[in-house]
Amino acid sequence: MQILGYIGYTILIFFAITWTLGVRVKLGAGLFTIMGALFYVVATIFLGVFGINKLHSWWIVPSGFLFVRLCIFILATHVPLLYSLVKILGSVYAGIVRIGIPSEKIRNAQRRDAYETVEKIYGPTDGAKLIQAVKDGDLQTVQDLLTAGVEVNAKDYDGRTALMWAAYEGSMEIVGVLFENGADVNAKNSKGVTALMLAADQNHMEITKLLLAKDADINAKTTDNGQTALMTAATKSGRTAVVRLLLENGAEINAENNKGATALVVAACTGDTEAVNILLEKGADVDASTDNGITALLVARKNGHADIAQLLEKAGAKK
């Protein structure tokens, strides 16, 4: 009987570990899943610390599923006091298990899971169909959906609109159709990213031009790191033409992100000599530094970009 007890206890430990790992890995896990993990962890500790007969593990393991069902009922019906208790305990335990994971990442995962759950139950919304058609590059379906009255500015779980996806995918024709139907050029996703930033990031020159012609906010910043479209273009090599276009259309050359870095510092870090050259040519502050005192020259040297370091020194950067 003792062997049976230890086998049952081992199974209980396995459930405690796997459910807890599930809470950490599956960031969109619901409160009832989190409470299930907490149930198995508490039961494991309780049996181990107080030396209770391990045979109890055999009825505790299936009881966990009943406990989860109970939590689902409590959350669905808002049972007074118990509802608040489940929410508090679940939030505290999830917070402990997910230490080190950015809260924004958790919120995005929860939004995505909630969105996907609704789609599984009720099927994709008209907005989701429009966005999927844009991703697929299906111009005819996009036109048909818009003609049928689908909201052109509908968003996905991360707040991205059809226009943002079209700008990212480089679908010029679709971008034009979306604008004809009232697409919001300055719509932002959950991190403050705009269609202009996505087009600049993907080096879609013609779409970037069109977005600017439609009065896209050229100096808009993301909410998570304070990046502008100019900085986004400067983070990747080969975006020289887009960098020049943005500067010629009023991009603030010395704008800083949340860490105090300017486009010049970003370009020097990336190693894009042409972008650095254009930024200097257009009057970028050669000695601008981050909140930690890092300048473009320092970051160029640190990353082994000797040619860029030389350019910066020639432009008068302080050594």
C-alpha atoms as a PDB file:
ATOM      1  CA  MET A   1       0.000   0.000   0.000  1.00  0.00           C
ATOM      2  CA  GLN A   2       2.893   2.329   0.755  1.00  0.00           C
ATOM      3  CA  ILE A   3       4.220   1.860  -2.792  1.00  0.00           C
ATOM      4  CA  LEU A   4       0.767   2.725  -4.183  1.00  0.00           C
ATOM      5  CA  GLY A   5       0.800   5.852  -2.030  1.00  0.00           C
ATOM      6  CA  TYR A   6       4.146   7.003  -3.402  1.00  0.00           C
ATOM      7  CA  ILE A   7       3.050   6.277  -6.973  1.00  0.00           C
ATOM      8  CA  GLY A   8      -0.054   8.411  -6.411  1.00  0.00           C
ATOM      9  CA  TYR A   9       2.029  11.171  -4.812  1.00  0.00           C
ATOM     10  CA  THR A  10       4.436  11.131  -7.771  1.00  0.00           C
ATOM     11  CA  ILE A  11       1.479  11.576 -10.107  1.00  0.00           C
ATOM     12  CA  LEU A  12       0.258  14.463  -7.954  1.00  0.00           C
ATOM     13  CA  ILE A  13       3.691  16.132  -8.133  1.00  0.00           C
ATOM     14  CA  PHE A  14       3.679  15.644 -11.901  1.00  0.00           C
ATOM     15  CA  PHE A  15       0.310  17.412 -12.158  1.00  0.00           C
ATOM     16  CA  ALA A  16       1.525  20.259  -9.928  1.00  0.00           C
ATOM     17  CA  ILE A  17       4.631  20.796 -12.079  1.00  0.00           C
ATOM     18  CA  THR A  18       2.984  20.473 -15.500  1.00  0.00           C
ATOM     19  CA  TRP A  19       0.013  22.692 -14.661  1.00  0.00           C
ATOM     20  CA  THR A  20       2.305  25.332 -13.165  1.00  0.00           C
ATOM     21  CA  LEU A  21       4.598  25.216 -16.199  1.00  0.00           C
ATOM     22  CA  GLY A  22       1.468  25.584 -18.321  1.00  0.00           C
ATOM     23  CA  VAL A  23       0.575  28.794 -16.481  1.00  0.00           C
ATOM     24  CA  ARG A  24       4.053  30.198 -17.137  1.00  0.00           C
ATOM     25  CA  VAL A  25       4.297  29.109 -20.776  1.00  0.00           C
ATOM     26  CA  LYS A  26       0.676  29.651 -21.844  1.00  0.00           C
ATOM     27  CA  LEU A  27       0.359  33.300 -20.892  1.00  0.00           C
ATOM     28  CA  GLY A  28      -3.251  33.452 -22.025  1.00  0.00           C
ATOM     29  CA  ALA A  29      -4.309  30.699 -19.590  1.00  0.00           C
ATOM     30  CA  GLY A  30      -7.638  31.459 -17.878  1.00  0.00           C
ATOM     31  CA  LEU A  31      -8.095  31.920 -14.146  1.00  0.00           C
ATOM     32  CA  PHE A  32      -9.606  28.462 -13.794  1.00  0.00           C
ATOM     33  CA  THR A  33      -6.409  26.902 -15.227  1.00  0.00           C
ATOM     34  CA  ILE A  34      -4.311  28.961 -12.833  1.00  0.00           C
ATOM     35  CA  MET A  35      -6.485  27.860  -9.910  1.00  0.00           C
ATOM     36  CA  GLY A  36      -6.096  24.225 -11.011  1.00  0.00           C
ATOM     37  CA  ALA A  37      -2.308  24.616 -10.893  1.00  0.00           C
ATOM     38  CA  LEU A  38      -2.565  26.240  -7.465  1.00  0.00           C
ATOM     39  CA  PHE A  39      -4.788  23.385  -6.217  1.00  0.00           C
ATOM     40  CA  TYR A  40      -2.241  20.720  -7.189  1.00  0.00           C
ATOM     41  CA  VAL A  41       0.697  22.699  -5.757  1.00  0.00           C
ATOM     42  CA  VAL A  42      -1.052  23.276  -2.419  1.00  0.00           C
ATOM     43  CA  ALA A  43      -2.149  19.626  -2.232  1.00  0.00           C
ATOM     44  CA  THR A  44       1.393  18.422  -2.967  1.00  0.00           C
ATOM     45  CA  ILE A  45       2.905  20.660  -0.293  1.00  0.00           C
ATOM     46  CA  PHE A  46       0.174  19.792   2.211  1.00  0.00           C
ATOM     47  CA  LEU A  47       0.662  16.033   1.874  1.00  0.00           C
ATOM     48  CA  GLY A  48       4.447  16.351   1.901  1.00  0.00           C
ATOM     49  CA  VAL A  49       4.854  18.765   4.826  1.00  0.00           C
ATOM     50  CA  PHE A  50       2.276  17.251   7.168  1.00  0.00           C
ATOM     51  CA  GLY A  51       3.170  13.627   6.441  1.00  0.00           C
ATOM     52  CA  ILE A  52      -0.388  12.695   5.487  1.00  0.00           C
ATOM     53  CA  ASN A  53      -0.940   9.269   3.963  1.00  0.00           C
ATOM     54  CA  LYS A  54       0.117   9.521   0.313  1.00  0.00           C
ATOM     55  CA  LEU A  55      -2.767   7.229  -0.724  1.00  0.00           C
ATOM     56  CA  HIS A  56      -4.956  10.341  -0.539  1.00  0.00           C
ATOM     57  CA  SER A  57      -3.202  11.419  -3.744  1.00  0.00           C
ATOM     58  CA  TRP A  58      -5.405   9.013  -5.695  1.00  0.00           C
ATOM     59  CA  TRP A  59      -8.596  10.947  -4.936  1.00  0.00           C
ATOM     60  CA  ILE A  60      -6.903  14.380  -4.878  1.00  0.00           C
ATOM     61  CA  VAL A  61      -5.734  14.133  -8.522  1.00  0.00           C
ATOM     62  CA  PRO A  62      -9.255  13.730 -10.023  1.00  0.00           C
ATOM     63  CA  SER A  63     -10.596  16.221  -7.475  1.00  0.00           C
ATOM     64  CA  GLY A  64      -8.455  18.867  -9.164  1.00  0.00           C
ATOM     65  CA  PHE A  65     -10.626  18.652 -12.273  1.00  0.00           C
ATOM     66  CA  LEU A  66     -13.755  19.059 -10.148  1.00  0.00           C
ATOM     67  CA  PHE A  67     -12.145  22.044  -8.448  1.00  0.00           C
ATOM     68  CA  VAL A  68     -11.471  23.628 -11.862  1.00  0.00           C
ATOM     69  CA  ARG A  69     -15.131  23.074 -12.810  1.00  0.00           C
ATOM     70  CA  LEU A  70     -16.153  24.749  -9.569  1.00  0.00           C
ATOM     71  CA  CYS A  71     -13.923  27.733 -10.355  1.00  0.00           C
ATOM     72  CA  ILE A  72     -15.452  28.013 -13.836  1.00  0.00           C
ATOM     73  CA  PHE A  73     -18.913  28.090 -12.237  1.00  0.00           C
ATOM     74  CA  ILE A  74     -17.837  30.727  -9.684  1.00  0.00           C
ATOM     75  CA  LEU A  75     -16.304  32.942 -12.376  1.00  0.00           C
ATOM     76  CA  ALA A  76     -19.262  32.525 -14.746  1.00  0.00           C
ATOM     77  CA  THR A  77     -21.945  33.264 -12.142  1.00  0.00           C
ATOM     78  CA  HIS A  78     -20.027  35.841 -10.067  1.00  0.00           C
ATOM     79  CA  VAL A  79     -20.737  34.063  -6.768  1.00  0.00           C
ATOM     80  CA  PRO A  80     -20.370  36.763  -4.077  1.00  0.00           C
ATOM     81  CA  LEU A  81     -17.050  36.711  -2.148  1.00  0.00           C
ATOM     82  CA  LEU A  82     -15.918  33.488  -3.847  1.00  0.00           C
ATOM     83  CA  TYR A  83     -15.577  35.323  -7.183  1.00  0.00           C
ATOM     84  CA  SER A  84     -13.260  37.919  -5.619  1.00  0.00           C
ATOM     85  CA  LEU A  85     -11.335  35.234  -3.732  1.00  0.00           C
ATOM     86  CA  VAL A  86     -10.692  33.199  -6.903  1.00  0.00           C
ATOM     87  CA  LYS A  87      -9.567  36.315  -8.787  1.00  0.00           C
ATOM     88  CA  ILE A  88      -7.199  37.422  -6.014  1.00  0.00           C
ATOM     89  CA  LEU A  89      -5.656  33.975  -5.429  1.00  0.00           C
ATOM     90  CA  GLY A  90      -5.330  33.322  -9.165  1.00  0.00           C
ATOM     91  CA  SER A  91      -3.736  36.701  -9.844  1.00  0.00           C
ATOM     92  CA  VAL A  92      -1.255  36.347  -6.969  1.00  0.00           C
ATOM     93  CA  TYR A  93      -0.220  32.823  -7.972  1.00  0.00           C
ATOM     94  CA  ALA A  94       0.075  33.731 -11.674  1.00  0.00           C
ATOM     95  CA  GLY A  95       2.178  36.744 -10.696  1.00  0.00           C
ATOM     96  CA  ILE A  96       4.569  34.524  -8.738  1.00  0.00           C
ATOM     97  CA  VAL A  97       4.828  31.887 -11.483  1.00  0.00           C
ATOM     98  CA  ARG A  98       5.348  34.510 -14.214  1.00  0.00           C
ATOM     99  CA  ILE A  99       8.027  36.563 -12.462  1.00  0.00           C
ATOM    100  CA  GLY A 100      10.341  38.080 -15.067  1.00  0.00           C
ATOM    101  CA  ILE A 101       7.810  38.067 -17.916  1.00  0.00           C
ATOM    102  CA  PRO A 102       6.833  41.590 -19.094  1.00  0.00           C
ATOM    103  CA  SER A 103       3.235  42.463 -18.207  1.00  0.00           C
ATOM    104  CA  GLU A 104       2.621  43.772 -21.742  1.00  0.00           C
ATOM    105  CA  LYS A 105       3.555  40.373 -23.168  1.00  0.00           C
ATOM    106  CA  ILE A 106       1.089  38.692 -20.800  1.00  0.00           C
ATOM    107  CA  ARG A 107      -1.721  41.105 -21.696  1.00  0.00           C
ATOM    108  CA  ASN A 108      -1.134  40.555 -25.418  1.00  0.00           C
ATOM    109  CA  ALA A 109      -1.284  36.779 -24.967  1.00  0.00           C
ATOM    110  CA  GLN A 110      -4.503  37.064 -22.970  1.00  0.00           C
ATOM    111  CA  ARG A 111      -6.074  39.263 -25.652  1.00  0.00           C
ATOM    112  CA  ARG A 112      -5.007  36.818 -28.360  1.00  0.00           C
ATOM    113  CA  ASP A 113      -6.386  33.791 -26.504  1.00  0.00           C
ATOM    114  CA  ALA A 114      -9.666  35.554 -25.759  1.00  0.00           C
ATOM    115  CA  TYR A 115      -9.969  36.568 -29.412  1.00  0.00           C
ATOM    116  CA  GLU A 116      -9.215  33.034 -30.625  1.00  0.00           C
ATOM    117  CA  THR A 117     -11.683  31.535 -28.141  1.00  0.00           C
ATOM    118  CA  VAL A 118     -14.479  33.773 -29.435  1.00  0.00           C
ATOM    119  CA  GLU A 119     -13.591  32.791 -33.003  1.00  0.00           C
ATOM    120  CA  LYS A 120     -13.690  29.089 -32.131  1.00  0.00           C
ATOM    121  CA  ILE A 121     -17.142  29.440 -30.589  1.00  0.00           C
ATOM    122  CA  TYR A 122     -18.797  31.909 -32.946  1.00  0.00           C
ATOM    123  CA  GLY A 123     -16.559  31.705 -36.023  1.00  0.00           C
ATOM    124  CA  PRO A 124     -14.411  34.541 -37.417  1.00  0.00           C
ATOM    125  CA  THR A 125     -15.917  38.019 -37.300  1.00  0.00           C
ATOM    126  CA  ASP A 126     -16.326  40.044 -40.498  1.00  0.00           C
ATOM    127  CA  GLY A 127     -13.382  42.170 -39.378  1.00  0.00           C
ATOM    128  CA  ALA A 128     -11.250  39.051 -38.953  1.00  0.00           C
ATOM    129  CA  LYS A 129     -12.235  37.897 -42.456  1.00  0.00           C
ATOM    130  CA  LEU A 130     -11.184  41.268 -43.879  1.00  0.00           C
ATOM    131  CA  ILE A 131      -7.814  41.150 -42.143  1.00  0.00           C
ATOM    132  CA  GLN A 132      -7.229  37.566 -43.271  1.00  0.00           C
ATOM    133  CA  ALA A 133      -8.042  38.510 -46.872  1.00  0.00           C
ATOM    134  CA  VAL A 134      -5.471  41.323 -46.627  1.00  0.00           C
ATOM    135  CA  LYS A 135      -2.863  38.897 -45.270  1.00  0.00           C
ATOM    136  CA  ASP A 136      -3.631  36.530 -48.147  1.00  0.00           C
ATOM    137  CA  GLY A 137      -3.345  39.360 -50.670  1.00  0.00           C
ATOM    138  CA  ASP A 138      -6.886  38.584 -51.855  1.00  0.00           C
ATOM    139  CA  LEU A 139      -7.938  41.912 -53.377  1.00  0.00           C
ATOM    140  CA  GLN A 140     -11.312  40.635 -54.642  1.00  0.00           C
ATOM    141  CA  THR A 141     -12.393  39.352 -51.229  1.00  0.00           C
ATOM    142  CA  VAL A 142     -11.257  42.616 -49.620  1.00  0.00           C
ATOM    143  CA  GLN A 143     -13.416  44.563 -52.079  1.00  0.00           C
ATOM    144  CA  ASP A 144     -16.394  42.232 -51.606  1.00  0.00           C
ATOM    145  CA  LEU A 145     -16.251  42.500 -47.807  1.00  0.00           C
ATOM    146  CA  LEU A 146     -15.976  46.293 -47.873  1.00  0.00           C
ATOM    147  CA  THR A 147     -18.849  46.534 -50.360  1.00  0.00           C
ATOM    148  CA  ALA A 148     -20.903  44.376 -47.980  1.00  0.00           C
ATOM    149  CA  GLY A 149     -20.330  46.970 -45.266  1.00  0.00           C
ATOM    150  CA  VAL A 150     -17.543  45.416 -43.192  1.00  0.00           C
ATOM    151  CA  GLU A 151     -15.876  47.987 -40.918  1.00  0.00           C
ATOM    152  CA  VAL A 152     -12.635  48.987 -42.637  1.00  0.00           C
ATOM    153  CA  ASN A 153     -10.942  49.896 -39.338  1.00  0.00           C
ATOM    154  CA  ALA A 154     -11.790  46.646 -37.527  1.00  0.00           C
ATOM    155  CA  LYS A 155      -8.883  45.406 -35.402  1.00  0.00           C
ATOM    156  CA  ASP A 156      -7.416  42.028 -34.519  1.00  0.00           C
ATOM    157  CA  TYR A 157      -6.490  40.907 -30.982  1.00  0.00           C
ATOM    158  CA  ASP A 158      -3.337  43.068 -31.038  1.00  0.00           C
ATOM    159  CA  GLY A 159      -5.149  46.139 -32.315  1.00  0.00           C
ATOM    160  CA  ARG A 160      -3.870  45.854 -35.894  1.00  0.00           C
ATOM    161  CA  THR A 161      -6.157  47.043 -38.688  1.00  0.00           C
ATOM    162  CA  ALA A 162      -6.417  45.822 -42.280  1.00  0.00           C
ATOM    163  CA  LEU A 163      -4.423  48.898 -43.390  1.00  0.00           C
ATOM    164  CA  MET A 164      -1.615  48.055 -41.002  1.00  0.00           C
ATOM    165  CA  TRP A 165      -1.450  44.503 -42.343  1.00  0.00           C
ATOM    166  CA  ALA A 166      -1.527  45.755 -45.950  1.00  0.00           C
ATOM    167  CA  ALA A 167       1.315  48.201 -45.204  1.00  0.00           C
ATOM    168  CA  TYR A 168       3.313  45.380 -43.641  1.00  0.00           C
ATOM    169  CA  GLU A 169       2.652  42.934 -46.485  1.00  0.00           C
ATOM    170  CA  GLY A 170       3.364  45.549 -49.174  1.00  0.00           C
ATOM    171  CA  SER A 171      -0.029  45.278 -50.877  1.00  0.00           C
ATOM    172  CA  MET A 172      -0.226  48.630 -52.684  1.00  0.00           C
ATOM    173  CA  GLU A 173      -3.531  47.910 -54.444  1.00  0.00           C
ATOM    174  CA  ILE A 174      -5.168  46.800 -51.210  1.00  0.00           C
ATOM    175  CA  VAL A 175      -3.853  49.862 -49.388  1.00  0.00           C
ATOM    176  CA  GLY A 176      -5.516  52.023 -52.063  1.00  0.00           C
ATOM    177  CA  VAL A 177      -8.843  50.200 -51.739  1.00  0.00           C
ATOM    178  CA  LEU A 178      -8.769  50.509 -47.957  1.00  0.00           C
ATOM    179  CA  PHE A 179      -8.190  54.263 -48.208  1.00  0.00           C
ATOM    180  CA  GLU A 180     -11.083  54.565 -50.666  1.00  0.00           C
ATOM    181  CA  ASN A 181     -13.261  53.027 -47.958  1.00  0.00           C
ATOM    182  CA  GLY A 182     -12.145  55.314 -45.144  1.00  0.00           C
ATOM    183  CA  ALA A 183      -9.178  53.536 -43.557  1.00  0.00           C
ATOM    184  CA  ASP A 184      -7.658  55.429 -40.620  1.00  0.00           C
ATOM    185  CA  VAL A 185      -4.051  56.171 -41.585  1.00  0.00           C
ATOM    186  CA  ASN A 186      -3.052  56.838 -37.963  1.00  0.00           C
ATOM    187  CA  ALA A 187      -4.680  53.849 -36.278  1.00  0.00           C
ATOM    188  CA  LYS A 188      -2.382  52.219 -33.713  1.00  0.00           C
ATOM    189  CA  ASN A 189      -2.077  48.709 -32.359  1.00  0.00           C
ATOM    190  CA  SER A 190      -1.750  47.835 -28.668  1.00  0.00           C
ATOM    191  CA  LYS A 191       1.906  48.984 -28.668  1.00  0.00           C
ATOM    192  CA  GLY A 192       1.273  52.202 -30.554  1.00  0.00           C
ATOM    193  CA  VAL A 193       2.662  50.891 -33.851  1.00  0.00           C
ATOM    194  CA  THR A 194       1.234  52.579 -36.972  1.00  0.00           C
ATOM    195  CA  ALA A 195       0.934  51.573 -40.624  1.00  0.00           C
ATOM    196  CA  LEU A 196       3.736  54.043 -41.465  1.00  0.00           C
ATOM    197  CA  MET A 197       6.119  52.327 -39.047  1.00  0.00           C
ATOM    198  CA  LEU A 198       5.291  48.923 -40.536  1.00  0.00           C
ATOM    199  CA  ALA A 199       5.798  50.121 -44.102  1.00  0.00           C
ATOM    200  CA  ALA A 200       9.108  51.746 -43.146  1.00  0.00           C
ATOM    201  CA  ASP A 201      10.208  48.611 -41.307  1.00  0.00           C
ATOM    202  CA  GLN A 202       9.514  46.440 -44.367  1.00  0.00           C
ATOM    203  CA  ASN A 203      11.113  48.961 -46.763  1.00  0.00           C
ATOM    204  CA  HIS A 204       7.907  49.431 -48.775  1.00  0.00           C
ATOM    205  CA  MET A 205       8.853  52.761 -50.363  1.00  0.00           C
ATOM    206  CA  GLU A 206       5.725  53.423 -52.449  1.00  0.00           C
ATOM    207  CA  ILE A 207       3.359  52.564 -49.600  1.00  0.00           C
ATOM    208  CA  THR A 208       5.374  54.814 -47.283  1.00  0.00           C
ATOM    209  CA  LYS A 209       4.948  57.646 -49.805  1.00  0.00           C
ATOM    210  CA  LEU A 210       1.208  57.050 -50.029  1.00  0.00           C
ATOM    211  CA  LEU A 211       0.785  56.962 -46.245  1.00  0.00           C
ATOM    212  CA  LEU A 212       2.649  60.256 -45.939  1.00  0.00           C
ATOM    213  CA  ALA A 213       0.454  61.735 -48.689  1.00  0.00           C
ATOM    214  CA  LYS A 214      -2.558  60.672 -46.598  1.00  0.00           C
ATOM    215  CA  ASP A 215      -1.216  62.673 -43.618  1.00  0.00           C
ATOM    216  CA  ALA A 216       0.259  59.824 -41.588  1.00  0.00           C
ATOM    217  CA  ASP A 217       1.696  61.094 -38.292  1.00  0.00           C
ATOM    218  CA  ILE A 218       5.377  60.919 -39.159  1.00  0.00           C
ATOM    219  CA  ASN A 219       6.556  61.516 -35.589  1.00  0.00           C
ATOM    220  CA  ALA A 220       4.165  59.180 -33.776  1.00  0.00           C
ATOM    221  CA  LYS A 221       5.882  57.037 -31.141  1.00  0.00           C
ATOM    222  CA  THR A 222       5.254  53.495 -29.970  1.00  0.00           C
ATOM    223  CA  THR A 223       4.035  53.137 -26.414  1.00  0.00           C
ATOM    224  CA  ASP A 224       6.383  50.326 -25.416  1.00  0.00           C
ATOM    225  CA  ASN A 225       9.752  51.817 -26.417  1.00  0.00           C
ATOM    226  CA  GLY A 226       9.068  55.259 -27.895  1.00  0.00           C
ATOM    227  CA  GLN A 227      10.266  54.435 -31.412  1.00  0.00           C
ATOM    228  CA  THR A 228       9.311  56.609 -34.375  1.00  0.00           C
ATOM    229  CA  ALA A 229       9.036  55.536 -38.018  1.00  0.00           C
ATOM    230  CA  LEU A 230      12.480  57.068 -38.633  1.00  0.00           C
ATOM    231  CA  MET A 231      14.038  55.012 -35.836  1.00  0.00           C
ATOM    232  CA  THR A 232      12.241  51.909 -37.120  1.00  0.00           C
ATOM    233  CA  ALA A 233      13.793  52.411 -40.567  1.00  0.00           C
ATOM    234  CA  ALA A 234      17.200  53.019 -38.996  1.00  0.00           C
ATOM    235  CA  THR A 235      17.129  49.726 -37.074  1.00  0.00           C
ATOM    236  CA  LYS A 236      17.643  47.698 -40.264  1.00  0.00           C
ATOM    237  CA  SER A 237      20.215  48.017 -43.024  1.00  0.00           C
ATOM    238  CA  GLY A 238      19.090  48.823 -46.548  1.00  0.00           C
ATOM    239  CA  ARG A 239      16.375  51.302 -45.573  1.00  0.00           C
ATOM    240  CA  THR A 240      18.361  54.344 -46.768  1.00  0.00           C
ATOM    241  CA  ALA A 241      15.755  55.576 -49.263  1.00  0.00           C
ATOM    242  CA  VAL A 242      13.000  55.334 -46.644  1.00  0.00           C
ATOM    243  CA  VAL A 243      15.170  57.180 -44.102  1.00  0.00           C
ATOM    244  CA  ARG A 244      15.737  60.001 -46.613  1.00  0.00           C
ATOM    245  CA  LEU A 245      12.037  60.111 -47.539  1.00  0.00           C
ATOM    246  CA  LEU A 246      10.976  60.408 -43.906  1.00  0.00           C
ATOM    247  CA  LEU A 247      13.498  63.170 -43.228  1.00  0.00           C
ATOM    248  CA  GLU A 248      12.386  65.105 -46.312  1.00  0.00           C
ATOM    249  CA  ASN A 249       8.783  64.884 -45.101  1.00  0.00           C
ATOM    250  CA  GLY A 250       9.339  66.298 -41.635  1.00  0.00           C
ATOM    251  CA  ALA A 251      10.559  63.416 -39.469  1.00  0.00           C
ATOM    252  CA  GLU A 252      12.063  64.830 -36.291  1.00  0.00           C
ATOM    253  CA  ILE A 253      15.712  63.912 -36.724  1.00  0.00           C
ATOM    254  CA  ASN A 254      16.725  64.152 -33.058  1.00  0.00           C
ATOM    255  CA  ALA A 255      13.618  62.574 -31.526  1.00  0.00           C
ATOM    256  CA  GLU A 256      14.484  60.199 -28.685  1.00  0.00           C
ATOM    257  CA  ASN A 257      13.046  56.828 -27.745  1.00  0.00           C
ATOM    258  CA  ASN A 258      12.321  55.765 -24.161  1.00  0.00           C
ATOM    259  CA  LYS A 259      16.028  55.155 -23.530  1.00  0.00           C
ATOM    260  CA  GLY A 260      17.101  58.479 -24.967  1.00  0.00           C
ATOM    261  CA  ALA A 261      18.470  57.050 -28.226  1.00  0.00           C
ATOM    262  CA  THR A 262      18.072  59.029 -31.465  1.00  0.00           C
ATOM    263  CA  ALA A 263      17.879  57.649 -34.996  1.00  0.00           C
ATOM    264  CA  LEU A 264      21.619  58.362 -35.392  1.00  0.00           C
ATOM    265  CA  VAL A 265      22.495  56.228 -32.363  1.00  0.00           C
ATOM    266  CA  VAL A 266      20.210  53.474 -33.665  1.00  0.00           C
ATOM    267  CA  ALA A 267      21.751  53.582 -37.159  1.00  0.00           C
ATOM    268  CA  ALA A 268      25.278  53.561 -35.729  1.00  0.00           C
ATOM    269  CA  CYS A 269      24.360  50.491 -33.704  1.00  0.00           C
ATOM    270  CA  THR A 270      22.826  48.783 -36.766  1.00  0.00           C
ATOM    271  CA  GLY A 271      25.926  49.486 -38.845  1.00  0.00           C
ATOM    272  CA  ASP A 272      24.188  51.174 -41.754  1.00  0.00           C
ATOM    273  CA  THR A 273      26.836  53.580 -43.074  1.00  0.00           C
ATOM    274  CA  GLU A 274      24.530  55.152 -45.676  1.00  0.00           C
ATOM    275  CA  ALA A 275      21.807  55.854 -43.125  1.00  0.00           C
ATOM    276  CA  VAL A 276      24.344  57.437 -40.765  1.00  0.00           C
ATOM    277  CA  ASN A 277      25.657  59.550 -43.640  1.00  0.00           C
ATOM    278  CA  ILE A 278      22.178  60.805 -44.535  1.00  0.00           C
ATOM    279  CA  LEU A 279      21.340  61.588 -40.913  1.00  0.00           C
ATOM    280  CA  LEU A 280      24.559  63.591 -40.534  1.00  0.00           C
ATOM    281  CA  GLU A 281      23.921  65.322 -43.865  1.00  0.00           C
ATOM    282  CA  LYS A 282      20.454  66.343 -42.631  1.00  0.00           C
ATOM    283  CA  GLY A 283      21.801  67.780 -39.379  1.00  0.00           C
ATOM    284  CA  ALA A 284      21.516  65.029 -36.757  1.00  0.00           C
ATOM    285  CA  ASP A 285      23.075  65.877 -33.400  1.00  0.00           C
ATOM    286  CA  VAL A 286      26.344  63.946 -33.620  1.00  0.00           C
ATOM    287  CA  ASP A 287      26.863  64.011 -29.833  1.00  0.00           C
ATOM    288  CA  ALA A 288      23.308  63.113 -28.774  1.00  0.00           C
ATOM    289  CA  SER A 289      23.459  60.440 -26.079  1.00  0.00           C
ATOM    290  CA  THR A 290      21.137  57.950 -24.434  1.00  0.00           C
ATOM    291  CA  ASP A 291      20.050  58.140 -20.816  1.00  0.00           C
ATOM    292  CA  ASN A 292      23.153  56.060 -20.029  1.00  0.00           C
ATOM    293  CA  GLY A 293      25.455  58.478 -21.829  1.00  0.00           C
ATOM    294  CA  ILE A 294      25.951  56.300 -24.919  1.00  0.00           C
ATOM    295  CA  THR A 295      26.630  58.294 -28.092  1.00  0.00           C
ATOM    296  CA  ALA A 296      26.582  57.166 -31.712  1.00  0.00           C
ATOM    297  CA  LEU A 297      30.397  57.143 -31.728  1.00  0.00           C
ATOM    298  CA  LEU A 298      30.596  54.940 -28.638  1.00  0.00           C
ATOM    299  CA  VAL A 299      28.076  52.445 -29.965  1.00  0.00           C
ATOM    300  CA  ALA A 300      29.773  52.343 -33.389  1.00  0.00           C
ATOM    301  CA  ARG A 301      33.130  51.543 -31.780  1.00  0.00           C
ATOM    302  CA  LYS A 302      31.602  48.999 -29.434  1.00  0.00           C
ATOM    303  CA  ASN A 303      30.006  47.141 -32.368  1.00  0.00           C
ATOM    304  CA  GLY A 304      33.121  47.286 -34.528  1.00  0.00           C
ATOM    305  CA  HIS A 305      31.721  49.675 -37.143  1.00  0.00           C
ATOM    306  CA  ALA A 306      35.021  51.445 -37.887  1.00  0.00           C
ATOM    307  CA  ASP A 307      33.770  53.182 -41.041  1.00  0.00           C
ATOM    308  CA  ILE A 308      30.844  54.701 -39.142  1.00  0.00           C
ATOM    309  CA  ALA A 309      33.102  55.755 -36.278  1.00  0.00           C
ATOM    310  CA  GLN A 310      35.303  57.512 -38.822  1.00  0.00           C
ATOM    311  CA  LEU A 311      32.298  59.297 -40.341  1.00  0.00           C
ATOM    312  CA  LEU A 312      31.168  60.481 -36.918  1.00  0.00           C
ATOM    313  CA  GLU A 313      34.629  61.731 -35.966  1.00  0.00           C
ATOM    314  CA  LYS A 314      34.845  63.620 -39.257  1.00  0.00           C
ATOM    315  CA  ALA A 315      31.470  65.194 -38.393  1.00  0.00           C
ATOM    316  CA  GLY A 316      32.965  66.456 -35.133  1.00  0.00           C
ATOM    317  CA  ALA A 317      31.857  63.809 -32.641  1.00  0.00           C
ATOM    318  CA  LYS A 318      33.523  64.159 -29.255  1.00  0.00           C
ATOM    319  CA  LYS A 319      36.002  61.358 -28.719  1.00  0.00           C
END
